[in-house]
Structures are given as structure tokens and as C-alpha cells.
Amino acid sequence: MTNSSPDGDRIAKIIARAGRASRREAERLIEEGRVTVNGKQITSPALNVTARDTITVDGKPLEAAEPARVWLYHKPAGLVTTNRDEQGRATIFDKLPDGLPRVMSVGRLDLNSEGLLLLTNDGEVKRKLELPATGWLRKYRVRVNGRVSEEKLEPLRKGITHDGVNYLPMIVSLDRQQGANAWLTVGLREGKNREIRRAMEAIGFTVNRLIRTSYGPFQLGQLKPGEVEEVRRRVVRDQLGLDGEGLAAMEDDDAKPKPGLRRKPRKSQFGGPGQPGRPNPGGPDGKPTGGKPGGRTGGKPHRSGKSDAPDLSTRPQRDGKPTHPNRPGKAAKPGAPRRPHSEKPGPGRK
């Protein structure tokens, strides 16, 4: 086999597909001399390999690629999104439920941020999900210290430069002022390091809580901190537009039990009950095509009593209709008179 071989795939791509590392990390492993092909050490990723080749990473045979999978994870605050931390802090990988295969995070949430983090066992899927070209909207609930007005938020909507870094326009709405703090909903399409915190700092506010509630069509919903839920493979396949080999690798076997969940099945946050892993209705930007999402993104302030916790629900609701359908009652007997509305008010009547 030579570097000019027209068949096969680049070795970094094969390593990523096997879930050993992302493509960029695989290239680093190769450059460090930790990869061999057919017993020979390689130091350049410019090499095509096929199923006939024997590959090792750190002296261990590369496992065959597993079907690509994606999980939703509710990252708690206080964990770093790295495999190992030089300061000895706990990482998300230390706290994931038992039974999950080797996974990688899609992007990062910093130490004090919480909320939705996507996980995958496939380096190619990770790369696709992280590409800026997807244009997926990422939404956050943000609590800042200070009195907020629409006028003060306007610079964020136009785009700002802070400490020499340009930040694209953000979608920002004021949900409610709560004493010395205010809750905002922020949407952005890029993922620069600590972007929201630094942008808020530029307009005079300090972020004291930050929760990611969605990543494109994938929603946090009612997932509790530390919980994991697998996304249906058909959903991932459709959202990423995979074809050819990608389709074969993501065969839809949703009927099989999913490892890595420590809890009983729950109603999905994506719409229909009992259907985990379905995205929020709408396009890739995360906007539903109809109805109002349960999680407020602006408009009237959300009232939740004395609790300071934000409403993270994203289950779609229909205006003027109950969230759950009425339970079926007994069928009326033929010829039986109908009860006048004035005798007993029905749902939604006062």
C-alpha cells in the first residue's frame, strides 16, 4: 500500500469513525508516532487505508467501527469538558452513567456552564455537528447581575468587538427582571470560547448562571442534571444528511435496548410521549414550524412563583388547547340527551 493508493479512506478518518478520537486528535496521534499500519509506524495522516490493513493505536488494535450514535447529556455545573484535567478537577467523563461506550463531546461547555451537551461515539459525526457551516442555532438561558433594558441589549443584536474579538449578532430577549438579577434568552450560531460571558461583560453585565437549552434541533427538555438520553439513529442520520456509508453505519435499530441509562424511560422532550430522541419540530435552526415552544424565549416574563430556577421545558404547546389530550370517556348512549354547557363547564371554560 502506498500513499497514492486511490482506494480506501484517510487513516485519520478511519480512526475517528472507530470512535478512538476525533479526526483532528487522530492526526495528532499520527504525528506523535503512536499509530502503526501493517506493523510500520507512520507520522503523516496523508495515507489511505482499507479493511485489509491492520492498524494499531498506542500498541492496541483499532476496533471495528460501531454504528454512529448520539446522546443528549445534561451537564451539571462544576465539571470540565475534557478527558483529563491538569488541575485534577472532575470531568464529565468521570460522571457519565455506567454502560456508555467510549464517547466524545460535541463542543464544550465551560466549568460553570450547564445544560445540553451532545455526546457521540463517532469522530466523523462529532466533526459534522461542530462545523460552523451547519448554521445551527444554540439557545441559552442566561442570568446576569444588574438592571437590564432593551436599549442595553441592542449592541449584542448588532454584533460587538470586545478585547479584539469580533462577536456576531446574537438573538437576545429579556425574560424577566428578578430583584438584582435578570433572566435572558440568548441564541447564537457560533461557538467562541466563553462568548456569552464576554459579550455580556462588554455591555456591563456579569453572568452568574448559564444553561444551554438547545443545539439546533436537539432540546434539553426535562432531562435532569447528570442524565443521558440517546437520540434515535434515524433522527441523527436525517439531521446530518448522511448518505452512502454513513447511512449503512447508522442503521435504524431503535427497537434495541440502549445502554447507559440509569433511569426508567420517560416521556420525550421532543414532542410525542414515549418517543425519545426526536428533535423539536422545525428546521435545522431549531425553530419550530408551528405553535409556541413551552420554553419561553421572550415576550411576557415567565412566572414561576418564588423559585429562581428557569423553566427549561421545551415541549411544544398549542394555543388554546391543553398540553395533554383529554382522556377518553364513556360513549354516550344512542338517543341520550346532551348535557347543556351551562350545567357543567368543559375544559377551558369558566
Protein backbone atom coordinates (compact mmCIF):
# COMPACT_ATOMS: atom_id res chain seq x y z
CA MET A 1 0.00 0.00 0.00
CA THR A 2 1.27 3.47 -0.90
CA ASN A 3 0.21 6.99 -0.12
CA SER A 4 -1.07 7.37 -3.68
CA SER A 5 -3.46 4.42 -3.40
CA PRO A 6 -6.79 5.57 -4.83
CA ASP A 7 -8.95 3.21 -2.75
CA GLY A 8 -9.80 3.33 0.93
CA ASP A 9 -10.07 6.33 3.23
CA ARG A 10 -7.63 8.58 5.01
CA ILE A 11 -6.37 6.90 8.15
CA ALA A 12 -7.42 9.77 10.43
CA LYS A 13 -10.98 9.36 9.18
CA ILE A 14 -10.89 5.60 9.89
CA ILE A 15 -9.59 6.20 13.43
CA ALA A 16 -12.30 8.79 14.01
CA ARG A 17 -15.02 6.50 12.68
CA ALA A 18 -13.89 3.79 15.09
CA GLY A 19 -14.52 6.21 17.96
CA ARG A 20 -10.90 6.27 19.08
CA ALA A 21 -10.55 10.03 18.63
CA SER A 22 -11.81 12.94 16.60
CA ARG A 23 -10.19 13.42 13.20
CA ARG A 24 -8.03 16.27 14.48
CA GLU A 25 -7.00 14.24 17.52
CA ALA A 26 -6.25 11.26 15.25
CA GLU A 27 -3.93 13.41 13.16
CA ARG A 28 -2.12 14.42 16.34
CA LEU A 29 -1.75 10.77 17.39
CA ILE A 30 -0.25 10.00 13.97
CA GLU A 31 2.20 12.91 14.11
CA GLU A 32 3.31 11.75 17.57
CA GLY A 33 4.17 8.32 16.14
CA ARG A 34 1.51 6.46 18.12
CA VAL A 35 -0.10 4.80 15.10
CA THR A 36 1.13 1.86 13.03
CA VAL A 37 -0.20 0.40 9.78
CA ASN A 38 0.70 -3.20 9.00
CA GLY A 39 3.39 -3.06 11.67
CA LYS A 40 5.04 0.14 10.42
CA GLN A 41 4.97 3.39 12.35
CA ILE A 42 3.53 6.32 10.41
CA THR A 43 3.92 10.03 11.09
CA SER A 44 1.80 11.55 8.32
CA PRO A 45 -2.00 11.42 8.06
CA ALA A 46 -1.73 11.61 4.26
CA LEU A 47 -2.33 7.90 3.92
CA ASN A 48 -5.27 5.87 2.63
CA VAL A 49 -6.11 2.54 4.26
CA THR A 50 -8.63 -0.21 3.56
CA ALA A 51 -10.23 -3.03 5.52
CA ARG A 52 -7.27 -5.23 4.55
CA ASP A 53 -4.84 -3.11 6.58
CA THR A 54 -4.01 -3.71 10.24
CA ILE A 55 -3.97 -0.54 12.32
CA THR A 56 -2.85 -0.08 15.92
CA VAL A 57 -3.07 2.97 18.18
CA ASP A 58 -0.76 3.02 21.20
CA GLY A 59 0.01 -0.62 20.52
CA LYS A 60 -3.63 -1.74 20.59
CA PRO A 61 -5.51 -2.94 17.50
CA LEU A 62 -8.05 -0.45 16.21
CA GLU A 63 -11.54 -1.78 16.83
CA ALA A 64 -14.03 -2.06 14.02
CA ALA A 65 -16.28 0.94 13.58
CA GLU A 66 -19.54 0.78 15.53
CA PRO A 67 -22.78 2.33 14.25
CA ALA A 68 -22.66 6.06 14.93
CA ARG A 69 -24.70 7.13 17.95
CA VAL A 70 -25.53 10.44 19.64
CA TRP A 71 -26.65 11.14 23.20
CA LEU A 72 -28.14 14.16 24.95
CA TYR A 73 -26.40 14.89 28.26
CA HIS A 74 -27.42 17.42 30.89
CA LYS A 75 -24.05 18.69 32.05
CA PRO A 76 -24.06 19.86 35.66
CA ALA A 77 -22.09 22.93 36.69
CA GLY A 78 -18.68 22.24 38.20
CA LEU A 79 -17.42 19.71 35.63
CA VAL A 80 -14.87 20.36 32.89
CA THR A 81 -15.44 19.07 29.36
CA THR A 82 -12.12 17.30 28.85
CA ASN A 83 -10.90 13.72 29.17
CA ARG A 84 -8.27 14.67 31.73
CA ASP A 85 -7.76 17.89 33.67
CA GLU A 86 -4.28 19.06 34.61
CA GLN A 87 -5.67 20.68 37.76
CA GLY A 88 -7.30 17.46 38.90
CA ARG A 89 -10.86 18.76 38.57
CA ALA A 90 -13.72 16.36 37.91
CA THR A 91 -14.63 15.90 34.25
CA ILE A 92 -17.91 14.99 32.60
CA PHE A 93 -16.39 11.63 31.65
CA ASP A 94 -15.86 10.84 35.33
CA LYS A 95 -19.59 11.28 35.98
CA LEU A 96 -21.26 9.69 32.94
CA PRO A 97 -23.63 6.76 33.62
CA ASP A 98 -22.23 3.24 33.50
CA GLY A 99 -22.71 1.30 30.29
CA LEU A 100 -21.91 4.04 27.79
CA PRO A 101 -19.27 3.21 25.16
CA ARG A 102 -16.28 5.47 24.60
CA VAL A 103 -17.78 8.87 23.75
CA MET A 104 -16.60 12.33 22.75
CA SER A 105 -18.24 15.65 23.49
CA VAL A 106 -19.56 17.81 20.67
CA GLY A 107 -18.02 21.15 21.50
CA ARG A 108 -17.66 22.21 25.11
CA LEU A 109 -19.39 23.91 28.00
CA ASP A 110 -17.07 25.63 30.44
CA LEU A 111 -16.70 24.72 34.11
CA ASN A 112 -19.56 26.84 35.45
CA SER A 113 -21.91 26.39 32.50
CA GLU A 114 -24.60 23.71 32.48
CA GLY A 115 -27.26 22.25 30.24
CA LEU A 116 -27.32 20.40 26.94
CA LEU A 117 -24.12 18.78 25.73
CA LEU A 118 -24.15 16.34 22.82
CA LEU A 119 -22.05 13.18 23.04
CA THR A 120 -21.14 10.77 20.24
CA ASN A 121 -19.07 7.64 19.73
CA ASP A 122 -18.11 8.66 16.19
CA GLY A 123 -15.42 11.22 15.37
CA GLU A 124 -16.91 11.98 11.96
CA VAL A 125 -20.31 12.74 13.48
CA LYS A 126 -18.59 14.96 16.05
CA ARG A 127 -16.88 16.88 13.24
CA LYS A 128 -20.14 17.32 11.32
CA LEU A 129 -22.01 18.54 14.39
CA GLU A 130 -19.29 21.07 15.20
CA LEU A 131 -18.96 22.53 11.71
CA PRO A 132 -19.94 26.23 11.63
CA ALA A 133 -21.45 25.53 8.21
CA THR A 134 -24.42 23.80 9.85
CA GLY A 135 -25.61 27.23 11.00
CA TRP A 136 -27.48 25.62 13.88
CA LEU A 137 -28.88 27.99 16.47
CA ARG A 138 -27.78 27.33 20.04
CA LYS A 139 -30.04 28.70 22.74
CA TYR A 140 -29.16 29.55 26.33
CA ARG A 141 -30.95 30.73 29.46
CA VAL A 142 -28.67 33.35 30.97
CA ARG A 143 -28.89 35.04 34.36
CA VAL A 144 -26.99 38.29 34.74
CA ASN A 145 -26.49 40.65 37.63
CA GLY A 146 -27.85 44.13 37.02
CA ARG A 147 -30.85 46.05 35.71
CA VAL A 148 -31.38 45.12 32.08
CA SER A 149 -33.18 47.15 29.43
CA GLU A 150 -33.79 46.59 25.73
CA GLU A 151 -31.54 49.54 24.98
CA LYS A 152 -28.62 47.95 26.83
CA LEU A 153 -29.06 44.69 24.88
CA GLU A 154 -29.10 46.34 21.47
CA PRO A 155 -25.29 46.18 20.89
CA LEU A 156 -25.42 42.39 21.18
CA ARG A 157 -28.08 42.24 18.47
CA LYS A 158 -25.87 44.22 16.11
CA GLY A 159 -22.61 42.41 16.90
CA ILE A 160 -19.77 43.74 19.03
CA THR A 161 -16.00 43.65 19.39
CA HIS A 162 -14.54 43.02 22.84
CA ASP A 163 -10.83 42.71 23.67
CA GLY A 164 -10.05 42.43 19.98
CA VAL A 165 -12.52 39.60 19.36
CA ASN A 166 -15.47 40.08 16.99
CA TYR A 167 -18.78 38.54 18.04
CA LEU A 168 -21.55 38.04 15.51
CA PRO A 169 -25.05 39.42 16.18
CA MET A 170 -26.96 37.45 18.81
CA ILE A 171 -30.66 36.88 19.34
CA VAL A 172 -31.32 38.30 22.81
CA SER A 173 -34.57 38.73 24.71
CA LEU A 174 -35.31 39.83 28.26
CA ASP A 175 -37.47 37.24 30.02
CA ARG A 176 -37.83 38.85 33.43
CA GLN A 177 -36.12 41.07 35.96
CA GLN A 178 -35.86 39.30 39.30
CA GLY A 179 -34.52 41.57 42.00
CA ALA A 180 -30.86 42.32 41.37
CA ASN A 181 -30.72 39.72 38.58
CA ALA A 182 -32.33 39.33 35.17
CA TRP A 183 -33.05 36.21 33.11
CA LEU A 184 -32.34 36.40 29.38
CA THR A 185 -32.68 34.03 26.45
CA VAL A 186 -29.70 34.18 24.10
CA GLY A 187 -29.31 32.50 20.71
CA LEU A 188 -26.11 32.33 18.69
CA ARG A 189 -24.71 30.43 15.73
CA GLU A 190 -21.02 30.40 16.54
CA GLY A 191 -19.23 28.89 19.50
CA LYS A 192 -16.29 31.04 20.50
CA ASN A 193 -14.74 30.44 23.90
CA ARG A 194 -16.85 31.96 26.71
CA GLU A 195 -18.65 34.01 24.08
CA ILE A 196 -21.79 34.89 26.03
CA ARG A 197 -19.93 35.71 29.24
CA ARG A 198 -17.50 38.01 27.47
CA ALA A 199 -20.18 39.66 25.35
CA MET A 200 -22.25 40.40 28.46
CA GLU A 201 -19.16 41.74 30.16
CA ALA A 202 -18.69 44.12 27.23
CA ILE A 203 -22.08 45.74 27.91
CA GLY A 204 -21.57 45.89 31.68
CA PHE A 205 -23.19 42.70 32.99
CA THR A 206 -21.79 39.70 34.84
CA VAL A 207 -23.19 36.25 34.05
CA ASN A 208 -23.86 34.24 37.20
CA ARG A 209 -25.69 31.32 35.60
CA LEU A 210 -25.67 29.94 32.05
CA ILE A 211 -27.73 26.99 30.81
CA ARG A 212 -27.72 25.70 27.24
CA THR A 213 -31.25 24.59 26.35
CA SER A 214 -30.86 23.58 22.70
CA TYR A 215 -28.33 22.78 20.00
CA GLY A 216 -30.01 23.09 16.62
CA PRO A 217 -32.97 20.70 16.64
CA PHE A 218 -31.85 18.90 19.81
CA GLN A 219 -33.51 20.05 23.04
CA LEU A 220 -32.62 19.74 26.74
CA GLY A 221 -36.27 19.46 27.71
CA GLN A 222 -36.87 17.78 31.09
CA LEU A 223 -33.53 15.97 31.22
CA LYS A 224 -32.19 16.30 34.77
CA PRO A 225 -28.57 17.20 35.61
CA GLY A 226 -26.33 14.19 35.03
CA GLU A 227 -28.89 12.29 32.97
CA VAL A 228 -28.24 10.90 29.50
CA GLU A 229 -30.67 10.01 26.72
CA GLU A 230 -29.84 8.52 23.34
CA VAL A 231 -31.13 10.18 20.19
CA ARG A 232 -32.76 7.89 17.66
CA ARG A 233 -30.25 6.98 15.00
CA ARG A 234 -32.69 7.73 12.22
CA VAL A 235 -33.03 11.27 13.60
CA VAL A 236 -29.27 11.76 13.68
CA ARG A 237 -28.94 10.35 10.17
CA ASP A 238 -31.63 12.67 8.82
CA GLN A 239 -30.37 15.77 10.63
CA LEU A 240 -26.79 15.27 9.45
CA GLY A 241 -27.79 14.38 5.90
CA LEU A 242 -25.64 11.26 5.91
CA ASP A 243 -25.64 9.08 2.84
CA GLY A 244 -23.78 6.12 1.39
CA GLU A 245 -21.56 4.55 4.02
CA GLY A 246 -22.92 6.92 6.63
CA LEU A 247 -26.41 5.51 6.17
CA ALA A 248 -25.18 1.95 6.48
CA ALA A 249 -23.32 2.79 9.66
CA MET A 250 -26.45 4.30 11.19
CA GLU A 251 -28.94 1.54 10.51
CA ASP A 252 -32.12 2.22 12.45
CA ASP A 253 -32.28 -0.33 15.25
CA ASP A 254 -34.12 1.84 17.75
CA ALA A 255 -36.08 -1.14 19.00
CA LYS A 256 -32.93 -2.48 20.68
CA PRO A 257 -32.36 -1.52 24.33
CA LYS A 258 -29.97 1.38 24.80
CA PRO A 259 -27.18 1.05 27.37
CA GLY A 260 -26.05 3.94 29.51
CA LEU A 261 -29.37 5.00 31.05
CA ARG A 262 -29.73 4.67 34.79
CA ARG A 263 -33.35 5.69 34.86
CA LYS A 264 -36.69 4.49 33.64
CA PRO A 265 -37.89 5.60 30.21
CA ARG A 266 -39.58 8.96 30.33
CA LYS A 267 -41.71 11.00 28.03
CA SER A 268 -39.61 12.55 25.34
CA GLN A 269 -38.91 16.27 25.41
CA PHE A 270 -39.15 16.29 21.62
CA GLY A 271 -42.91 16.14 21.21
CA GLY A 272 -44.73 12.81 21.33
CA PRO A 273 -44.77 10.79 24.56
CA GLY A 274 -42.64 7.67 24.68
CA GLN A 275 -40.56 8.63 21.65
CA PRO A 276 -37.08 9.51 22.91
CA GLY A 277 -34.60 11.15 20.60
CA ARG A 278 -36.99 13.03 18.34
CA PRO A 279 -35.94 16.60 17.56
CA ASN A 280 -38.07 19.63 18.20
CA PRO A 281 -40.38 20.22 15.20
CA GLY A 282 -38.85 22.66 12.76
CA GLY A 283 -35.78 23.24 10.66
CA PRO A 284 -32.08 22.95 11.47
CA ASP A 285 -32.08 26.35 13.14
CA GLY A 286 -34.12 24.89 15.97
CA LYS A 287 -37.19 26.99 15.29
CA PRO A 288 -40.48 25.09 15.43
CA THR A 289 -42.65 25.28 12.35
CA GLY A 290 -45.83 25.82 14.32
CA GLY A 291 -47.15 26.53 17.80
CA LYS A 292 -45.30 28.04 20.70
CA PRO A 293 -42.49 26.18 22.40
CA GLY A 294 -43.01 25.50 26.07
CA GLY A 295 -39.66 27.06 26.95
CA ARG A 296 -40.09 30.79 26.71
CA THR A 297 -37.67 32.69 24.53
CA GLY A 298 -39.05 36.15 25.01
CA GLY A 299 -42.24 38.14 25.29
CA LYS A 300 -44.06 38.21 28.60
CA PRO A 301 -41.96 37.35 31.66
CA HIS A 302 -42.27 33.79 32.88
CA ARG A 303 -43.74 33.50 36.38
CA SER A 304 -42.61 30.56 38.47
CA GLY A 305 -43.57 31.58 42.00
CA LYS A 306 -40.71 32.12 44.39
CA SER A 307 -38.36 29.76 42.61
CA ASP A 308 -35.34 31.30 40.89
CA ALA A 309 -34.85 28.33 38.58
CA PRO A 310 -35.68 28.92 34.91
CA ASP A 311 -38.31 26.96 33.02
CA LEU A 312 -36.32 24.57 30.84
CA SER A 313 -39.31 22.85 29.29
CA THR A 314 -39.32 22.80 25.51
CA ARG A 315 -42.35 20.58 24.93
CA PRO A 316 -44.45 22.20 22.18
CA GLN A 317 -47.85 23.55 23.22
CA ARG A 318 -50.81 24.62 21.16
CA ASP A 319 -52.53 27.91 21.78
CA GLY A 320 -55.87 27.45 23.48
CA LYS A 321 -55.51 23.68 23.79
CA PRO A 322 -54.46 21.57 26.75
CA THR A 323 -50.93 20.13 26.68
CA HIS A 324 -52.24 16.60 27.15
CA PRO A 325 -55.25 15.24 25.27
CA ASN A 326 -58.44 14.55 27.17
CA ARG A 327 -58.82 11.03 28.41
CA PRO A 328 -61.46 9.08 26.54
CA GLY A 329 -64.69 8.85 28.46
CA LYS A 330 -67.68 6.56 28.17
CA ALA A 331 -69.53 6.75 24.90
CA ALA A 332 -72.96 8.35 25.09
CA LYS A 333 -75.92 6.04 24.70
CA PRO A 334 -77.93 6.40 21.50
CA GLY A 335 -80.69 8.92 21.97
CA ALA A 336 -79.37 10.20 25.29
CA PRO A 337 -79.81 13.97 25.71
CA ARG A 338 -76.65 16.05 25.61
CA ARG A 339 -75.71 17.88 28.79
CA PRO A 340 -76.15 21.62 28.37
CA HIS A 341 -72.90 23.56 28.57
CA SER A 342 -74.27 25.64 31.39
CA GLU A 343 -74.66 22.61 33.66
CA LYS A 344 -71.05 21.52 33.67
CA PRO A 345 -68.27 23.58 32.14
CA GLY A 346 -65.87 21.65 29.94
CA PRO A 347 -62.12 22.09 29.62
CA GLY A 348 -61.06 25.65 29.04
CA ARG A 349 -64.46 27.09 30.07
CA LYS A 350 -65.04 29.14 33.20
